[in-house]
Amino acid sequence: AQLVESGGGLVQPGSSLRLSCAASGFTLDEYAIGWFRQAPGKEREGVSCIRIGDGSTYVADSVKDRFAISRDNASNTVYLQMNSLKPEDTAVYYCAGDYRNQCSRRSHISGRYDYWGQGTQVSVSV
């Protein structure tokens, strides 16, 4: 089983990016898929989560007005749409799969997740 992130890059403040998380070796329908980010010198932060099987979702308060999570079952991919990006959004973004749990306000707990991608760098700078 593998998760692969893509879509990161260097953008200016106010820009948008869409990150992708593609799964191979398992079906995303069976998992809650979460997005995390980690900035240099900071702890990993849970950003968002989606689980199609029960319709549960989670978006962190810090990004809820700017970020949105979605998925495409046909391509076995989860997306994180990030709008109005700020310099403080600069981080490595990871997706992860949780087989057991719904998405909830506890979805920020990284220990719940079974599989992790390698991460994609997002840099927001003038």
Foldseek 3Di string as FASTA:
>chain_A
DAWAKDWADEEAAQAKIKMKIADPPDAQQQWKKWKWWDDPPDDIWTAKIAHPNVGAIDGDPVQVVFWDKDDDRVRSMIMIIGGRDDQVVWTWMKMFTARPDGDDPVVGPVVRTDYIHPTDTHGYHD
